[in-house]
Protein backbone atom coordinates (compact mmCIF):
# COMPACT_ATOMS: atom_id res chain seq x y z
CA MET A 1 19.48 72.27 -46.59
CA LYS A 2 23.32 71.99 -45.37
CA PHE A 3 26.28 72.90 -47.89
CA THR A 4 29.21 75.05 -47.46
CA ILE A 5 29.73 78.09 -49.14
CA LYS A 6 33.53 77.66 -51.28
CA GLU A 7 33.67 81.16 -52.92
CA ILE A 8 31.60 84.13 -54.06
CA ARG A 9 32.32 86.07 -56.72
CA PHE A 10 30.67 89.23 -57.84
CA LYS A 11 31.01 92.32 -60.08
CA ASP A 12 28.82 95.47 -61.15
CA TYR A 13 27.67 96.43 -57.16
CA LYS A 14 28.22 99.89 -56.26
CA SER A 15 31.69 100.72 -57.07
CA PHE A 16 32.91 97.26 -58.08
CA LYS A 17 33.13 97.33 -61.47
CA GLY A 18 34.67 95.30 -64.33
CA ASP A 19 36.20 92.10 -63.30
CA TYR A 20 34.70 89.77 -60.69
CA ILE A 21 35.51 90.00 -57.04
CA SER A 22 36.58 87.03 -55.80
CA LEU A 23 35.88 86.04 -51.94
CA LYS A 24 36.98 82.88 -50.23
CA PRO A 25 35.15 82.72 -46.47
CA GLU A 26 37.53 82.13 -43.97
CA LYS A 27 36.35 82.26 -40.07
CA PHE A 28 37.70 85.54 -39.85
CA THR A 29 37.88 88.11 -42.37
CA LEU A 30 39.14 91.53 -41.82
CA LEU A 31 38.30 94.26 -44.40
CA ILE A 32 40.78 97.11 -43.96
CA GLY A 33 40.64 100.34 -45.96
CA ARG A 34 39.84 103.76 -46.30
CA ASN A 35 36.44 105.74 -45.81
CA ASN A 36 33.96 105.00 -48.41
CA CYS A 37 36.16 102.44 -50.31
CA GLY A 38 33.50 99.79 -50.15
CA LYS A 39 34.24 97.43 -47.25
CA SER A 40 30.44 97.75 -46.64
CA SER A 41 29.55 96.72 -50.14
CA ILE A 42 31.51 93.49 -49.23
CA ILE A 43 29.44 93.04 -46.39
CA ASP A 44 26.31 93.80 -48.47
CA VAL A 45 26.86 90.54 -51.10
CA PHE A 46 27.46 88.16 -48.33
CA GLU A 47 24.22 89.17 -46.73
CA SER A 48 22.67 89.21 -49.77
CA ILE A 49 23.13 85.54 -50.41
CA THR A 50 20.71 84.72 -47.32
CA SER A 51 18.11 86.92 -48.24
CA PRO A 52 17.13 86.87 -51.92
CA SER A 53 14.75 89.76 -51.81
CA PHE A 54 17.96 91.90 -51.85
CA PHE A 55 18.14 91.61 -55.33
CA ASN A 56 14.84 93.00 -55.97
CA LYS A 57 16.16 96.36 -54.70
CA HIS A 58 19.69 96.28 -55.72
CA LYS A 59 21.68 95.05 -58.81
CA CYS A 60 24.56 92.61 -58.48
CA ASP A 61 26.20 89.67 -60.58
CA ILE A 62 27.04 87.30 -58.38
CA TYR A 63 28.33 83.57 -58.18
CA ILE A 64 27.87 81.53 -55.46
CA ASP A 65 30.28 78.55 -55.50
CA THR A 66 29.43 75.39 -52.82
CA TYR A 67 29.97 72.35 -51.96
CA GLY A 68 26.35 70.69 -52.01
CA THR A 69 25.46 67.78 -50.17
CA GLN A 70 23.39 64.74 -51.57
CA GLU A 71 20.13 66.09 -50.16
CA LEU A 72 20.14 69.26 -52.36
CA TYR A 73 20.88 66.94 -55.21
CA ASP A 74 18.16 64.90 -54.50
CA TYR A 75 16.16 67.95 -53.83
CA ILE A 76 17.02 69.00 -57.60
CA ASN A 77 15.76 65.80 -59.17
CA THR A 78 12.69 65.33 -57.37
CA ASN A 79 11.89 68.98 -58.22
CA LYS A 80 12.27 69.56 -61.75
CA ASP A 81 9.06 70.44 -62.26
CA ASP A 82 9.04 73.35 -59.74
CA LEU A 83 12.61 74.52 -61.36
CA GLU A 84 11.02 74.77 -65.17
CA GLY A 85 9.43 77.82 -65.84
CA ASP A 86 10.33 80.43 -68.13
CA ASN A 87 13.87 79.19 -68.18
CA THR A 88 14.47 75.76 -68.62
CA VAL A 89 16.28 73.26 -66.33
CA LYS A 90 18.30 70.20 -68.23
CA LEU A 91 19.28 67.98 -65.54
CA GLU A 92 21.30 65.70 -67.95
CA THR A 93 25.10 66.52 -66.86
CA SER A 94 26.59 64.27 -63.92
CA PHE A 95 27.12 66.65 -60.95
CA SER A 96 30.95 65.61 -60.31
CA ASN A 97 32.06 66.47 -56.55
CA GLN A 98 28.41 67.71 -56.04
CA LYS A 99 29.62 71.15 -56.53
CA TYR A 100 26.95 73.95 -57.65
CA ARG A 101 26.49 77.58 -58.61
CA PHE A 102 23.68 80.02 -58.02
CA ASN A 103 23.63 82.63 -60.74
CA SER A 104 21.40 85.45 -62.41
CA ASN A 105 19.43 82.62 -64.45
CA ILE A 106 18.54 79.32 -63.99
CA VAL A 107 20.87 77.27 -66.54
CA LEU A 108 22.92 74.49 -66.54
CA GLU A 109 26.67 75.38 -67.02
CA ASN A 110 28.72 71.89 -67.32
CA ASP A 111 28.46 70.41 -63.65
CA MET A 112 27.27 73.44 -62.42
CA ILE A 113 23.52 74.04 -61.34
CA SER A 114 22.82 77.82 -61.64
CA PHE A 115 19.22 79.79 -60.20
CA SER A 116 18.01 83.00 -60.77
CA SER A 117 18.56 85.48 -58.10
CA ASN A 118 15.07 86.61 -58.45
CA SER A 119 13.95 83.12 -58.41
CA HIS A 120 11.83 81.55 -55.18
CA ARG A 121 13.86 78.70 -55.57
CA LEU A 122 17.10 80.57 -54.20
CA ASP A 123 15.07 80.30 -50.70
CA TYR A 124 15.40 76.87 -50.09
CA PHE A 125 19.15 76.87 -49.86
CA LEU A 126 20.09 80.17 -48.87
CA GLU A 127 17.48 81.67 -46.75
CA ASN A 128 17.93 79.80 -43.92
CA ILE A 129 21.37 80.70 -43.12
CA PRO A 130 21.32 83.41 -40.05
CA PHE A 131 23.29 86.44 -40.84
CA ARG A 132 23.81 89.19 -38.11
CA ARG A 133 25.18 92.64 -38.52
CA LEU A 134 25.83 95.42 -36.65
CA ASN A 135 26.57 98.94 -38.38
CA ALA A 136 28.89 101.45 -37.59
CA ASP A 137 26.18 103.70 -36.91
CA ARG A 138 24.58 102.30 -33.63
CA ASP A 139 23.29 103.25 -30.48
CA ILE A 140 20.94 101.93 -27.39
CA VAL A 141 18.10 103.91 -26.36
CA PRO A 142 14.98 103.60 -24.16
CA GLU A 143 12.35 101.62 -26.09
CA PRO A 144 8.64 100.94 -25.75
CA TYR A 145 7.64 97.23 -25.07
CA ASN A 146 7.30 95.25 -27.97
CA SER A 147 6.55 90.99 -28.50
CA ASP A 148 9.12 91.31 -31.42
CA TYR A 149 12.52 89.75 -30.66
CA HIS A 150 14.06 91.89 -33.19
CA LEU A 151 17.53 93.52 -33.07
CA ASP A 152 18.43 95.79 -35.95
CA GLU A 153 21.55 96.67 -37.31
CA ASN A 154 21.60 100.14 -35.98
CA GLY A 155 20.99 98.65 -32.20
CA ASN A 156 17.08 99.45 -32.40
CA GLY A 157 15.51 96.88 -30.28
CA ALA A 158 18.56 96.07 -27.78
CA CYS A 159 16.69 97.72 -24.73
CA ASN A 160 13.75 95.93 -25.36
CA LEU A 161 15.24 92.69 -26.17
CA ILE A 162 16.86 92.72 -22.56
CA ASN A 163 13.45 93.59 -21.31
CA GLN A 164 11.57 90.66 -22.58
CA ILE A 165 14.13 88.25 -21.56
CA LEU A 166 14.67 89.36 -17.93
CA THR A 167 10.68 89.76 -17.44
CA LYS A 168 8.96 87.01 -19.70
CA GLU A 169 8.38 83.91 -17.91
CA GLN A 170 9.05 81.26 -20.88
CA LEU A 171 12.98 83.14 -21.71
CA PRO A 172 15.78 82.19 -19.46
CA GLU A 173 16.98 85.47 -17.70
CA LYS A 174 20.40 83.88 -16.90
CA LEU A 175 20.93 84.71 -20.70
CA ILE A 176 21.30 88.40 -19.57
CA GLN A 177 22.07 88.12 -16.00
CA LYS A 178 24.92 84.90 -16.49
CA ASP A 179 25.96 84.98 -20.06
CA LEU A 180 25.73 88.35 -21.27
CA LEU A 181 27.01 89.97 -17.85
CA GLY A 182 29.76 87.53 -17.54
CA ALA A 183 31.06 88.21 -21.22
CA LEU A 184 30.78 91.74 -21.12
CA ASN A 185 32.68 91.78 -17.35
CA GLU A 186 35.49 89.46 -19.09
CA ILE A 187 35.92 92.16 -21.60
CA MET A 188 35.71 95.30 -19.52
CA TYR A 189 37.75 94.38 -16.38
CA PRO A 190 39.60 95.31 -15.37
CA ASP A 191 38.45 98.94 -16.44
CA SER A 192 34.81 98.51 -15.26
CA LYS A 193 32.84 95.36 -13.28
CA PHE A 194 29.38 95.31 -13.51
CA ASP A 195 27.46 93.72 -10.41
CA GLY A 196 23.96 93.22 -12.00
CA ILE A 197 21.71 94.17 -14.78
CA THR A 198 18.02 95.79 -14.98
CA VAL A 199 15.27 96.85 -16.50
CA GLN A 200 12.38 99.91 -15.34
CA LYS A 201 9.87 101.63 -17.10
CA THR A 202 11.18 105.39 -17.38
CA ALA A 203 8.88 108.11 -15.61
CA GLY A 204 6.10 109.90 -17.72
CA SER A 205 6.50 107.68 -21.03
CA ASP A 206 5.86 104.36 -22.16
CA ASN A 207 9.52 103.64 -22.55
CA TRP A 208 11.91 101.42 -20.68
CA GLU A 209 15.46 101.72 -19.50
CA VAL A 210 18.51 99.16 -19.11
CA TYR A 211 20.26 99.76 -16.08
CA LEU A 212 23.83 98.31 -14.76
CA TYR A 213 24.97 98.41 -11.33
CA GLU A 214 28.38 98.76 -10.20
CA GLY A 215 27.98 98.03 -6.34
CA ASP A 216 25.38 99.90 -4.87
CA ASP A 217 25.48 102.27 -7.83
CA ARG A 218 23.33 102.17 -10.84
CA TYR A 219 23.77 103.77 -13.95
CA ALA A 220 21.28 104.33 -17.43
CA LEU A 221 22.52 102.31 -20.27
CA SER A 222 21.33 104.90 -22.63
CA LYS A 223 23.14 107.34 -20.88
CA MET A 224 26.86 105.37 -20.84
CA GLY A 225 29.41 105.72 -23.27
CA SER A 226 28.71 104.50 -26.76
CA GLY A 227 32.06 102.09 -26.93
CA LEU A 228 30.35 100.41 -23.38
CA LYS A 229 26.86 100.17 -25.96
CA THR A 230 28.80 98.38 -28.63
CA ILE A 231 30.19 95.56 -26.57
CA ILE A 232 26.70 95.11 -25.33
CA LEU A 233 25.29 95.00 -28.99
CA VAL A 234 28.07 92.61 -30.12
CA LEU A 235 27.28 90.28 -27.26
CA LEU A 236 23.55 90.35 -28.03
CA ASN A 237 24.13 89.21 -31.66
CA LEU A 238 26.56 86.69 -30.49
CA LEU A 239 25.03 84.99 -27.44
CA ILE A 240 21.59 86.02 -26.90
CA ILE A 241 20.17 86.15 -30.59
CA PRO A 242 21.77 82.70 -31.51
CA GLU A 243 19.95 81.14 -28.15
CA ILE A 244 16.26 82.72 -28.88
CA ASN A 245 16.28 81.52 -32.34
CA LYS A 246 17.80 78.20 -32.03
CA TYR A 247 20.95 78.82 -34.27
CA ASN A 248 21.94 75.18 -35.29
CA ASP A 249 25.84 74.58 -34.19
CA GLU A 250 26.30 72.31 -37.36
CA GLN A 251 24.77 75.21 -39.90
CA ILE A 252 26.89 78.03 -40.87
CA HIS A 253 26.12 81.16 -39.65
CA PHE A 254 27.65 84.58 -40.35
CA PHE A 255 28.12 87.67 -37.90
CA ALA A 256 29.50 91.05 -39.45
CA PHE A 257 30.51 93.92 -37.31
CA GLU A 258 31.78 96.95 -38.62
CA GLU A 259 34.09 99.33 -37.11
CA LEU A 260 33.91 98.23 -33.72
CA GLU A 261 36.93 100.25 -32.63
CA ASN A 262 34.75 103.46 -32.84
CA ASN A 263 35.02 105.03 -29.25
CA LEU A 264 36.82 102.33 -27.58
CA HIS A 265 40.24 102.37 -25.86
CA PRO A 266 43.08 100.12 -27.07
CA ALA A 267 43.21 97.73 -24.47
CA LEU A 268 39.35 97.64 -24.62
CA GLN A 269 39.66 97.00 -28.30
CA ARG A 270 42.59 94.16 -27.83
CA ARG A 271 40.02 92.54 -25.39
CA LEU A 272 36.78 92.79 -27.68
CA PHE A 273 38.73 91.23 -30.45
CA ASP A 274 40.59 88.46 -28.22
CA TYR A 275 36.90 87.60 -27.59
CA LEU A 276 35.69 87.73 -30.87
CA PHE A 277 38.54 85.26 -31.45
CA GLN A 278 38.01 82.82 -28.96
CA TYR A 279 34.08 82.61 -29.76
CA GLY A 280 35.40 81.91 -33.52
CA LYS A 281 37.23 79.07 -32.14
CA ASP A 282 34.38 77.89 -29.99
CA HIS A 283 31.90 77.78 -32.58
CA PRO A 284 33.18 76.24 -35.93
CA ASN A 285 30.57 77.16 -38.13
CA ALA A 286 30.51 80.72 -37.43
CA TYR A 287 32.17 83.23 -39.70
CA ILE A 288 32.74 86.86 -38.46
CA PHE A 289 33.43 89.55 -40.77
CA LEU A 290 35.02 92.83 -39.47
CA THR A 291 35.30 96.18 -41.18
CA THR A 292 38.05 98.14 -39.38
CA HIS A 293 40.50 100.78 -39.47
CA SER A 294 42.24 100.08 -36.41
CA HIS A 295 45.92 98.78 -36.06
CA ILE A 296 44.73 96.63 -32.94
CA ALA A 297 42.24 94.52 -34.79
CA ILE A 298 44.75 93.94 -37.49
CA ASN A 299 47.58 93.02 -34.94
CA THR A 300 45.02 90.72 -32.92
CA PHE A 301 44.25 88.50 -36.03
CA ALA A 302 47.18 88.90 -38.21
CA ASN A 303 49.25 85.67 -38.09
CA LYS A 304 46.18 83.57 -36.30
CA PRO A 305 44.54 80.50 -38.16
CA ASP A 306 41.67 80.53 -40.13
CA THR A 307 42.13 84.26 -40.62
CA GLN A 308 42.31 86.21 -44.09
CA ILE A 309 43.15 90.46 -44.01
CA LEU A 310 41.49 91.50 -47.18
CA HIS A 311 42.79 95.28 -48.36
CA VAL A 312 39.85 97.32 -50.17
CA LYS A 313 40.99 100.08 -52.41
CA LYS A 314 38.92 102.53 -54.34
CA GLU A 315 40.56 104.46 -57.56
CA ASN A 316 38.84 106.62 -60.19
CA GLY A 317 35.36 105.39 -58.82
CA ILE A 318 36.07 101.89 -58.77
CA SER A 319 36.54 99.61 -55.90
CA THR A 320 39.09 96.53 -55.99
CA MET A 321 40.23 94.25 -53.14
CA ASP A 322 43.25 92.66 -52.43
CA GLN A 323 44.61 90.10 -49.96
CA ILE A 324 47.09 90.60 -47.62
CA ASP A 325 49.59 87.45 -47.81
CA SER A 326 53.15 89.57 -48.03
CA PHE A 327 55.30 92.32 -46.72
CA ILE A 328 54.63 94.26 -49.55
CA SER A 329 50.88 93.65 -49.20
CA LYS A 330 51.29 94.74 -45.51
CA THR A 331 53.21 97.94 -46.22
CA HIS A 332 50.58 98.84 -48.71
CA VAL A 333 47.74 98.76 -45.97
CA LEU A 334 49.96 100.79 -43.61
CA GLU A 335 50.48 103.41 -46.36
CA ASP A 336 46.44 103.47 -47.01
CA LEU A 337 46.07 103.77 -43.10
CA ASP A 338 48.78 106.32 -42.65
CA VAL A 339 49.75 103.93 -39.86
CA ARG A 340 53.65 103.33 -39.18
CA ALA A 341 55.27 100.18 -39.63
CA SER A 342 56.41 100.33 -35.82
CA ASP A 343 52.74 100.40 -34.62
CA ILE A 344 51.54 97.13 -36.13
CA PHE A 345 52.99 93.55 -37.57
CA GLN A 346 55.37 93.63 -34.73
CA SER A 347 55.97 91.20 -32.54
CA ASN A 348 55.34 91.79 -28.70
CA GLY A 349 58.29 90.61 -27.45
CA ILE A 350 62.06 89.58 -28.81
CA ILE A 351 64.10 86.15 -27.46
CA TRP A 352 67.48 87.15 -28.19
CA VAL A 353 69.60 83.54 -29.62
CA GLU A 354 73.21 83.36 -30.80
CA GLY A 355 71.99 81.19 -33.99
CA PRO A 356 69.35 79.39 -35.70
CA SER A 357 69.68 76.06 -34.42
CA ASP A 358 69.11 77.69 -30.49
CA ARG A 359 65.52 78.82 -31.93
CA VAL A 360 64.39 74.97 -33.04
CA TYR A 361 65.24 73.93 -29.29
CA ILE A 362 63.80 76.75 -27.87
CA LYS A 363 60.43 76.80 -29.47
CA ARG A 364 60.30 73.31 -28.82
CA TRP A 365 60.55 73.60 -25.38
CA LEU A 366 58.18 76.01 -25.28
CA GLU A 367 55.53 73.73 -27.08
CA ILE A 368 56.01 70.76 -24.51
CA TRP A 369 56.41 72.88 -21.34
CA GLY A 370 55.53 76.37 -21.85
CA ASP A 371 51.78 78.16 -22.68
CA LYS A 372 50.62 76.43 -25.53
CA ASN A 373 48.61 79.41 -26.80
CA LEU A 374 51.81 81.47 -27.19
CA ILE A 375 52.00 82.32 -30.62
CA GLU A 376 55.41 82.77 -32.90
CA GLY A 377 55.47 85.90 -34.88
CA SER A 378 53.09 87.59 -32.88
CA ASP A 379 53.51 86.94 -29.15
CA TYR A 380 57.05 86.68 -29.67
CA GLN A 381 60.32 86.31 -32.33
CA PHE A 382 63.54 84.98 -32.15
CA LEU A 383 66.06 87.55 -33.33
CA TYR A 384 70.01 86.37 -33.79
CA TYR A 385 72.83 88.18 -32.50
CA GLY A 386 75.55 85.73 -33.91
CA GLY A 387 78.17 84.87 -31.16
CA ARG A 388 81.02 87.50 -30.85
CA LEU A 389 78.57 90.38 -32.50
CA LEU A 390 77.07 90.35 -28.95
CA SER A 391 79.48 92.99 -27.49
CA HIS A 392 78.27 95.17 -29.84
CA TYR A 393 74.71 95.02 -28.10
CA THR A 394 73.61 96.65 -25.03
CA THR A 395 70.29 97.96 -23.23
CA GLU A 396 71.56 101.26 -22.41
CA GLU A 397 71.59 104.18 -24.41
CA THR A 398 74.63 104.89 -25.70
CA GLU A 399 76.17 105.70 -29.04
CA ASP A 400 78.91 103.32 -29.10
CA LEU A 401 76.48 100.19 -28.95
CA ILE A 402 73.50 98.93 -30.52
CA ASN A 403 70.53 99.21 -27.96
CA ILE A 404 68.68 96.34 -28.15
CA LEU A 405 65.59 97.47 -26.54
CA SER A 406 65.20 100.03 -29.62
CA THR A 407 64.01 97.01 -31.32
CA ASN A 408 61.85 95.89 -29.06
CA ILE A 409 61.59 96.84 -24.86
CA ASN A 410 60.20 93.40 -24.13
CA ALA A 411 63.29 91.32 -24.41
CA ALA A 412 64.78 88.36 -23.23
CA ILE A 413 68.25 86.68 -24.43
CA VAL A 414 69.53 83.23 -24.42
CA ILE A 415 73.70 82.83 -23.79
CA ASP A 416 75.96 79.89 -23.99
CA SER A 417 77.74 79.98 -20.83
CA ASP A 418 81.01 78.27 -22.57
CA LYS A 419 82.34 77.32 -19.54
CA ARG A 420 84.46 73.94 -19.58
CA SER A 421 84.54 73.34 -15.81
CA LYS A 422 82.26 74.13 -12.72
CA GLN A 423 85.16 76.70 -11.79
CA GLY A 424 85.36 78.03 -15.33
CA HIS A 425 84.66 81.74 -15.78
CA ILE A 426 81.70 83.67 -17.69
CA ASN A 427 83.43 86.80 -20.30
CA ASP A 428 83.13 89.83 -19.43
CA THR A 429 80.48 90.69 -22.35
CA LYS A 430 78.27 88.06 -21.18
CA LYS A 431 78.54 89.67 -17.57
CA ARG A 432 77.52 92.75 -18.63
CA ILE A 433 74.59 91.86 -20.95
CA GLN A 434 73.56 89.83 -17.67
CA LYS A 435 73.65 93.04 -15.46
CA GLU A 436 71.84 95.26 -17.79
CA PHE A 437 69.01 92.79 -18.37
CA GLU A 438 68.67 91.78 -14.79
CA GLU A 439 68.70 95.66 -13.73
CA LYS A 440 65.69 95.91 -15.83
CA GLY A 441 63.76 93.19 -15.07
CA MET A 442 64.59 91.19 -18.05
CA LEU A 443 65.34 87.54 -18.52
CA CYS A 444 69.02 86.82 -19.37
CA TRP A 445 69.54 82.81 -19.81
CA ILE A 446 73.05 81.91 -19.40
CA THR A 447 73.10 77.96 -19.88
CA LYS A 448 74.29 75.74 -17.09
CA GLY A 449 76.42 73.62 -19.42
CA LYS A 450 78.62 74.59 -21.98
CA GLU A 451 76.20 75.40 -24.94
CA ILE A 452 72.45 74.97 -25.35
CA GLU A 453 72.90 71.44 -27.05
CA ASN A 454 74.37 70.00 -23.51
CA TYR A 455 70.77 70.25 -22.40
CA LEU A 456 69.57 67.44 -25.07
CA PRO A 457 68.40 63.99 -23.52
CA TYR A 458 70.33 61.16 -25.21
CA GLY A 459 67.16 59.42 -25.78
CA ALA A 460 65.68 62.08 -28.24
CA ILE A 461 69.15 61.52 -30.03
CA ASN A 462 68.49 57.98 -30.20
CA SER A 463 65.17 58.22 -31.15
CA ALA A 464 66.15 60.67 -34.16
CA TYR A 465 69.32 58.65 -35.26
CA SER A 466 68.81 55.25 -34.31
CA SER A 467 71.74 55.34 -32.13
CA LYS A 468 73.14 53.63 -29.10
CA LEU A 469 74.09 56.63 -26.78
CA LYS A 470 73.99 55.59 -23.23
CA THR A 471 74.19 58.73 -21.14
CA ASN A 472 73.33 62.78 -21.68
CA CYS A 473 76.53 64.99 -22.74
CA LYS A 474 78.24 66.03 -19.65
CA GLN A 475 77.53 69.54 -18.28
CA TYR A 476 80.76 70.78 -19.53
CA GLU A 477 81.72 68.56 -21.93
CA LEU A 478 82.42 69.72 -25.87
CA PHE A 479 79.27 68.56 -27.89
CA PRO A 480 80.82 68.21 -31.14
CA ASP A 481 82.85 65.19 -29.39
CA TYR A 482 80.03 63.77 -27.67
CA ILE A 483 78.24 63.55 -30.95
CA GLU A 484 81.02 62.45 -33.20
CA SER A 485 79.85 59.00 -33.21
CA VAL A 486 76.32 59.52 -34.47
CA CYS A 487 77.08 62.96 -36.50
CA GLN A 488 80.08 63.49 -37.93
CA ASN A 489 81.21 67.29 -38.77
CA PHE A 490 78.39 68.29 -36.18
CA SER A 491 79.45 71.94 -36.42
CA GLY A 492 78.23 71.99 -40.24
CA LYS A 493 75.06 70.76 -39.48
CA LYS A 494 73.92 72.39 -36.01
CA VAL A 495 70.46 73.21 -37.77
CA GLU A 496 69.73 69.94 -39.22
CA PHE A 497 70.78 68.35 -36.52
CA ALA A 498 68.14 70.34 -34.44
CA LYS A 499 65.34 69.80 -36.58
CA LYS A 500 65.87 66.38 -36.48
CA VAL A 501 65.89 65.51 -32.84
CA SER A 502 63.69 68.15 -31.38
CA PRO A 503 60.49 66.31 -32.15
CA TYR A 504 61.62 63.87 -30.14
CA ILE A 505 62.15 65.82 -26.89
CA LEU A 506 59.06 64.52 -24.91
CA ASP A 507 57.40 66.32 -21.78
CA ASN A 508 59.22 63.87 -19.01
CA ASP A 509 61.79 64.04 -16.18
CA VAL A 510 64.41 62.54 -18.38
CA SER A 511 64.00 65.46 -20.97
CA ASN A 512 64.24 67.83 -18.48
CA VAL A 513 67.89 68.03 -18.23
CA LEU A 514 70.01 70.48 -16.42
CA GLY A 515 66.72 72.05 -15.45
CA VAL A 516 65.87 73.26 -18.59
CA LYS A 517 62.33 73.02 -18.08
CA GLU A 518 62.28 75.57 -15.17
CA MET A 519 64.25 77.76 -17.41
CA ILE A 520 61.60 77.46 -19.99
CA ILE A 521 58.48 77.98 -17.58
CA GLU A 522 60.22 81.17 -16.68
CA LEU A 523 60.69 82.45 -20.39
CA SER A 524 57.19 81.24 -20.89
CA GLU A 525 55.81 83.39 -18.27
CA LYS A 526 57.89 86.40 -19.53
CA ILE A 527 56.33 86.21 -22.92
CA LYS A 528 53.04 86.05 -21.30
CA LYS A 529 53.83 89.62 -19.54
CA TRP A 530 54.51 90.60 -22.94
CA ASN A 531 50.73 89.90 -23.76
CA PRO A 532 48.61 90.42 -21.19
CA LYS A 533 45.22 88.70 -21.37
CA ILE A 534 43.76 89.68 -18.13
CA HIS A 535 40.96 86.90 -16.86
CA LEU A 536 38.57 87.38 -14.08
């Protein structure tokens, strides 16, 4: 039966005592906290709902609120006798919004149906949801041949699984030679690039070993680094198991990976987490849980859509959980992980602009002419220098001025030329800033026109204000004078005006006033260099 899990509430499992803990699944859930605080216990609860036999071994009070389907409603109506037994179900209440609750007893509560946690009827609705898990303690070792396709949470079965796919006629070896190896190289490059993968029986034993090739050199996987093994185990769970078990893309399925950062260089961590994020985007019904101490993981997923970061804490033997959704809660995570604020939750580069209206235009231009994957607040951020205050900034090390690069070493700056004619001069402060930026290979964009508004196409203004302008503002014309008939007192409405006009700026030659498109493309390329994503 297909249905969507809306919320899980649980208590009385291990150190989670007292009040119910509420957890609403998102595409990506990061569980942050110190060792032994209860992160893995939350994974346990999610795993348990797909394996009802779990409750035979563990005590747990759990509610599962779902948005059900008509098929589930029909099943309940047509199997009343099956559901009746030691506990009687009375199907007298209307099922508003087809919303159901599975709990510890078979009872009806208002518009919610409840099933016993030890009832075999729970199997019908939950047991077919795939759940794949990789523990923090994991390894890949040589193994004897086995006809099963299992892959345990600690990595047992990995060698045998690869062996079977490469040697069994009924299994397509491209799953390993192309899919797994290609994804492995995508993550490992440029540190390593593997040209092949094979298996051989080890001398004097019944065990089989996996070998990776780099050119003509061959390396036994069991003797390679644990970080590489971690990446391969993640890929086996994401790419191979779903293919062999024929996962239905329309059905929800869960993946839980614990402390993937162990023994991984920060650059590899970043590429692995980027891969996971892209995998989730490509598989709409895949839900990914990560337990982590890594600021790389947090920085990768912070500000991303369909993502939640949960802070798990343990005090006096009792675990609690908070959602990270404010500056204060982020600060508490940093304190708990003993991470400095400068190491995380920081944009990878800053675009310095004079004021907020500049931000509105540049962000819109980046949307239509820049890389569509760039995210404000993560890949870049705007900061305002406020006109004449520019004279107090520098990129040099001096006690007399404020060093822009101490805020972020990745920087670009946009400055109004304020020229009133072609023969007009740029003032000394702007020339100094331009020279300092260019000497350091950074972008200093001084507008071709008097100010940034001189780049605006008259068509966008007409669309926003139902006006009848027939020409663009001239290159050195005062924009407030130009726009007076459309927007009076423009100087006091610059941000309001920008927000109203910018949506009507479109990707066409008419909008490319004074070559603004070329400057935006250059700015976009700079931002991409701040956020390196290396592709094969």
